[in-house]
Amino acid sequence: YIHGEAIGTGGVSLPDKPWHEAARHVVYAGSFFPWKGVSELVAAAARLPGCRIELMGGDEQSVKELKSQLEAGGAEVRFTGRLPHAQVMSRLAEACIAVLPNRDDTDSAFTSPIKLFEYMASGCAIVASDLPALREVLAENEAVWVKPGDAASLAQGILGLAGDPSRARALGERARARSAAYTWSARAQKLKAILERMNAAAMSGRDGTK
């Protein structure tokens, strides 16, 4: 969940993003564990000439391995390594397309992807693996859904948004609006309502036994 007050999700207006050149502002932020699908994103880069992709995260060894997989003639790929959270959020605020390429495996089935909520709060158009854990957060028309573990499908999803800035902006607006339901404040209100209902039911049952 996200701190709405800290990143301005109280309204639905977007940060000032360069949507006219969305292809040059594609990002991934997160760990580089195999199930995260970063290697599929690197493979997809070969199919994305003219795009620029920034990968935030990963240790030195992971970055070295992924760099060795890059193919000439594809997207420009930049590895930042691990960054302070404030820097990650600042870069997401400037990004247009954010990618969540999780593979379809056990870890993905039980994940609660904090980065997804941060993508949403930052107003990014999201390209995500079509997995139940992610579908629980975003609806069909709130992201571009791609086949998990499939670099070609991932590249197609990114290209679809890169070539249609208006659609990318619309998805970013929907995601940002949706993020308001996932702030800590919103979560606290939901839990409060549940506890109040449980307390009311308990009191009603106690009254009924008198």
Protein backbone atom coordinates (compact mmCIF):
# COMPACT_ATOMS: atom_id res chain seq x y z
CA TYR A 1 0.00 0.00 0.00
CA ILE A 2 1.04 3.60 -0.54
CA HIS A 3 1.18 6.84 1.40
CA GLY A 4 -1.34 8.96 -0.48
CA GLU A 5 -0.38 12.12 1.35
CA ALA A 6 3.28 11.68 0.40
CA ILE A 7 2.76 11.24 -3.32
CA GLY A 8 -0.31 13.31 -3.91
CA THR A 9 -3.04 10.79 -4.68
CA GLY A 10 -5.69 12.94 -3.06
CA GLY A 11 -6.69 14.11 -6.56
CA VAL A 12 -6.46 12.44 -9.94
CA SER A 13 -4.43 15.03 -11.84
CA LEU A 14 -1.26 13.64 -13.38
CA PRO A 15 2.31 14.76 -12.98
CA ASP A 16 3.53 16.62 -16.06
CA LYS A 17 4.70 13.74 -18.26
CA PRO A 18 6.10 13.79 -21.82
CA TRP A 19 3.36 11.61 -23.29
CA HIS A 20 4.24 12.65 -26.85
CA GLU A 21 7.47 10.69 -26.45
CA ALA A 22 6.23 7.90 -24.19
CA ALA A 23 8.49 5.40 -25.97
CA ARG A 24 11.49 7.17 -24.44
CA HIS A 25 10.14 6.97 -20.90
CA VAL A 26 9.61 3.26 -20.15
CA VAL A 27 10.58 2.00 -16.70
CA TYR A 28 10.81 -1.03 -14.47
CA ALA A 29 11.40 -0.67 -10.73
CA GLY A 30 11.90 -3.51 -8.31
CA SER A 31 14.02 -6.52 -7.51
CA PHE A 32 15.62 -8.70 -10.18
CA PHE A 33 14.59 -12.11 -8.86
CA PRO A 34 13.94 -14.56 -11.74
CA TRP A 35 10.18 -14.67 -11.09
CA LYS A 36 10.01 -10.89 -11.57
CA GLY A 37 10.49 -11.43 -15.31
CA VAL A 38 13.20 -8.81 -15.82
CA SER A 39 15.03 -11.11 -18.23
CA GLU A 40 11.89 -11.21 -20.40
CA LEU A 41 11.87 -7.42 -20.41
CA VAL A 42 15.52 -7.38 -21.50
CA ALA A 43 14.64 -9.88 -24.25
CA ALA A 44 11.68 -7.73 -25.29
CA ALA A 45 14.02 -4.76 -25.65
CA ALA A 46 15.44 -6.34 -28.79
CA ARG A 47 12.01 -5.84 -30.40
CA LEU A 48 11.74 -2.19 -29.32
CA PRO A 49 14.10 -0.05 -31.41
CA GLY A 50 13.61 3.63 -30.69
CA CYS A 51 12.45 3.00 -27.13
CA ARG A 52 14.42 3.79 -24.00
CA ILE A 53 13.95 1.58 -20.95
CA GLU A 54 15.25 2.35 -17.49
CA LEU A 55 15.65 -0.56 -15.08
CA MET A 56 15.84 0.43 -11.42
CA GLY A 57 17.02 -2.19 -8.95
CA GLY A 58 19.13 -5.30 -8.90
CA ASP A 59 22.51 -6.09 -7.39
CA GLU A 60 25.78 -5.80 -9.29
CA GLN A 61 25.82 -9.45 -10.39
CA SER A 62 22.22 -9.41 -11.62
CA VAL A 63 22.83 -6.25 -13.60
CA LYS A 64 25.97 -7.74 -15.16
CA GLU A 65 24.10 -10.90 -16.22
CA LEU A 66 21.21 -8.94 -17.75
CA LYS A 67 23.54 -6.58 -19.59
CA SER A 68 25.15 -9.61 -21.24
CA GLN A 69 21.71 -10.60 -22.64
CA LEU A 70 21.12 -7.32 -24.45
CA GLU A 71 21.00 -7.47 -28.23
CA ALA A 72 22.21 -4.75 -30.56
CA GLY A 73 19.66 -2.76 -32.52
CA GLY A 74 16.91 -2.82 -29.92
CA ALA A 75 15.82 -0.37 -27.26
CA GLU A 76 18.28 1.77 -25.37
CA VAL A 77 18.43 0.10 -21.94
CA ARG A 78 19.79 1.87 -18.87
CA PHE A 79 20.51 0.11 -15.58
CA THR A 80 20.54 2.39 -12.53
CA GLY A 81 21.19 -0.23 -9.86
CA ARG A 82 19.47 0.17 -6.53
CA LEU A 83 18.33 3.69 -5.74
CA PRO A 84 16.93 5.40 -2.62
CA HIS A 85 13.16 5.22 -2.55
CA ALA A 86 12.79 8.97 -3.00
CA GLN A 87 14.78 8.80 -6.24
CA VAL A 88 12.69 5.88 -7.50
CA MET A 89 9.48 7.82 -6.90
CA SER A 90 10.92 10.91 -8.58
CA ARG A 91 11.80 8.89 -11.69
CA LEU A 92 8.40 7.21 -11.72
CA ALA A 93 6.77 10.64 -11.62
CA GLU A 94 8.55 11.43 -14.90
CA ALA A 95 7.94 8.04 -16.52
CA CYS A 96 5.13 7.33 -18.97
CA ILE A 97 5.04 3.52 -19.27
CA ALA A 98 5.80 1.23 -16.32
CA VAL A 99 6.25 -2.51 -16.73
CA LEU A 100 5.40 -5.36 -14.35
CA PRO A 101 6.56 -8.52 -16.21
CA ASN A 102 6.10 -11.16 -13.49
CA ARG A 103 6.30 -14.81 -14.51
CA ASP A 104 3.48 -17.24 -13.80
CA ASP A 105 4.90 -19.15 -10.85
CA THR A 106 4.31 -19.69 -7.13
CA ASP A 107 5.95 -16.47 -6.00
CA SER A 108 3.83 -14.40 -8.38
CA ALA A 109 0.66 -16.12 -7.19
CA PHE A 110 1.10 -14.80 -3.65
CA THR A 111 2.76 -11.47 -4.28
CA SER A 112 1.44 -8.10 -3.17
CA PRO A 113 3.38 -5.91 -5.57
CA ILE A 114 4.17 -2.63 -3.82
CA LYS A 115 5.69 -1.33 -7.04
CA LEU A 116 2.37 -1.76 -8.82
CA PHE A 117 0.73 0.64 -6.37
CA GLU A 118 3.62 3.07 -6.81
CA TYR A 119 3.29 2.86 -10.61
CA MET A 120 -0.39 3.65 -10.22
CA ALA A 121 0.14 6.54 -7.82
CA SER A 122 2.73 7.99 -10.20
CA GLY A 123 0.22 8.06 -13.04
CA CYS A 124 2.11 5.63 -15.27
CA ALA A 125 0.41 3.62 -17.99
CA ILE A 126 1.01 0.03 -16.90
CA VAL A 127 1.98 -3.01 -18.95
CA ALA A 128 1.49 -6.05 -16.71
CA SER A 129 1.57 -9.81 -16.85
CA ASP A 130 -1.94 -11.25 -16.93
CA LEU A 131 -1.93 -12.87 -13.49
CA PRO A 132 -4.72 -13.23 -10.89
CA ALA A 133 -2.79 -11.35 -8.18
CA LEU A 134 -2.50 -8.32 -10.46
CA ARG A 135 -6.04 -8.62 -11.82
CA GLU A 136 -7.24 -8.26 -8.23
CA VAL A 137 -5.92 -4.69 -8.32
CA LEU A 138 -6.51 -3.51 -11.89
CA ALA A 139 -9.44 -4.08 -14.22
CA GLU A 140 -9.29 -5.04 -17.88
CA ASN A 141 -9.30 -1.42 -19.05
CA GLU A 142 -6.83 -0.15 -16.44
CA ALA A 143 -3.68 -1.77 -17.86
CA VAL A 144 -2.28 -3.47 -20.94
CA TRP A 145 -2.24 -7.18 -20.14
CA VAL A 146 0.42 -9.44 -21.64
CA LYS A 147 1.23 -13.15 -21.54
CA PRO A 148 3.50 -13.95 -18.57
CA GLY A 149 7.00 -15.06 -19.48
CA ASP A 150 6.56 -14.10 -23.15
CA ALA A 151 9.01 -11.47 -24.40
CA ALA A 152 7.16 -11.05 -27.71
CA SER A 153 3.84 -10.36 -25.97
CA LEU A 154 5.58 -7.97 -23.59
CA ALA A 155 7.18 -6.06 -26.47
CA GLN A 156 3.84 -5.85 -28.26
CA GLY A 157 2.18 -4.41 -25.15
CA ILE A 158 4.84 -1.76 -24.74
CA LEU A 159 4.77 -0.88 -28.45
CA GLY A 160 1.00 -0.50 -28.36
CA LEU A 161 1.28 2.24 -25.75
CA ALA A 162 4.44 3.82 -27.15
CA GLY A 163 2.65 4.32 -30.46
CA ASP A 164 -0.54 5.69 -28.92
CA PRO A 165 0.27 8.49 -26.44
CA SER A 166 -3.40 9.38 -25.94
CA ARG A 167 -4.21 5.85 -24.85
CA ALA A 168 -1.14 5.78 -22.61
CA ARG A 169 -2.23 8.99 -20.93
CA ALA A 170 -5.77 7.68 -20.41
CA LEU A 171 -4.44 4.52 -18.77
CA GLY A 172 -2.19 6.60 -16.56
CA GLU A 173 -5.17 8.68 -15.46
CA ARG A 174 -7.20 5.57 -14.64
CA ALA A 175 -4.35 3.99 -12.70
CA ARG A 176 -3.74 7.14 -10.68
CA ALA A 177 -7.42 7.49 -9.85
CA ARG A 178 -7.55 3.82 -8.83
CA SER A 179 -4.53 4.22 -6.55
CA ALA A 180 -6.55 6.34 -4.12
CA ALA A 181 -8.19 3.12 -2.88
CA TYR A 182 -4.81 1.70 -1.86
CA THR A 183 -3.32 4.39 0.38
CA TRP A 184 -2.65 3.58 4.03
CA SER A 185 -5.45 5.98 4.97
CA ALA A 186 -7.93 4.20 2.71
CA ARG A 187 -6.85 0.82 4.07
CA ALA A 188 -7.26 2.05 7.65
CA GLN A 189 -10.81 3.23 6.88
CA LYS A 190 -11.69 -0.20 5.44
CA LEU A 191 -10.31 -2.00 8.49
CA LYS A 192 -12.16 0.38 10.79
CA ALA A 193 -15.44 -0.34 8.99
CA ILE A 194 -14.87 -4.11 9.27
CA LEU A 195 -14.10 -3.89 13.00
CA GLU A 196 -17.16 -1.72 13.59
CA ARG A 197 -19.37 -4.28 11.81
CA MET A 198 -17.84 -7.13 13.82
CA ASN A 199 -18.35 -5.23 17.06
CA ALA A 200 -21.95 -4.41 16.17
CA ALA A 201 -22.64 -8.08 15.35
CA ALA A 202 -21.06 -9.19 18.62
CA MET A 203 -23.14 -6.71 20.62
CA SER A 204 -26.30 -7.76 18.80
CA GLY A 205 -25.62 -11.40 19.59
CA ARG A 206 -24.96 -10.57 23.23
CA ASP A 207 -28.25 -8.64 23.45
CA GLY A 208 -30.08 -11.60 21.97
CA THR A 209 -28.94 -13.91 24.75
CA LYS A 210 -30.35 -11.78 27.53
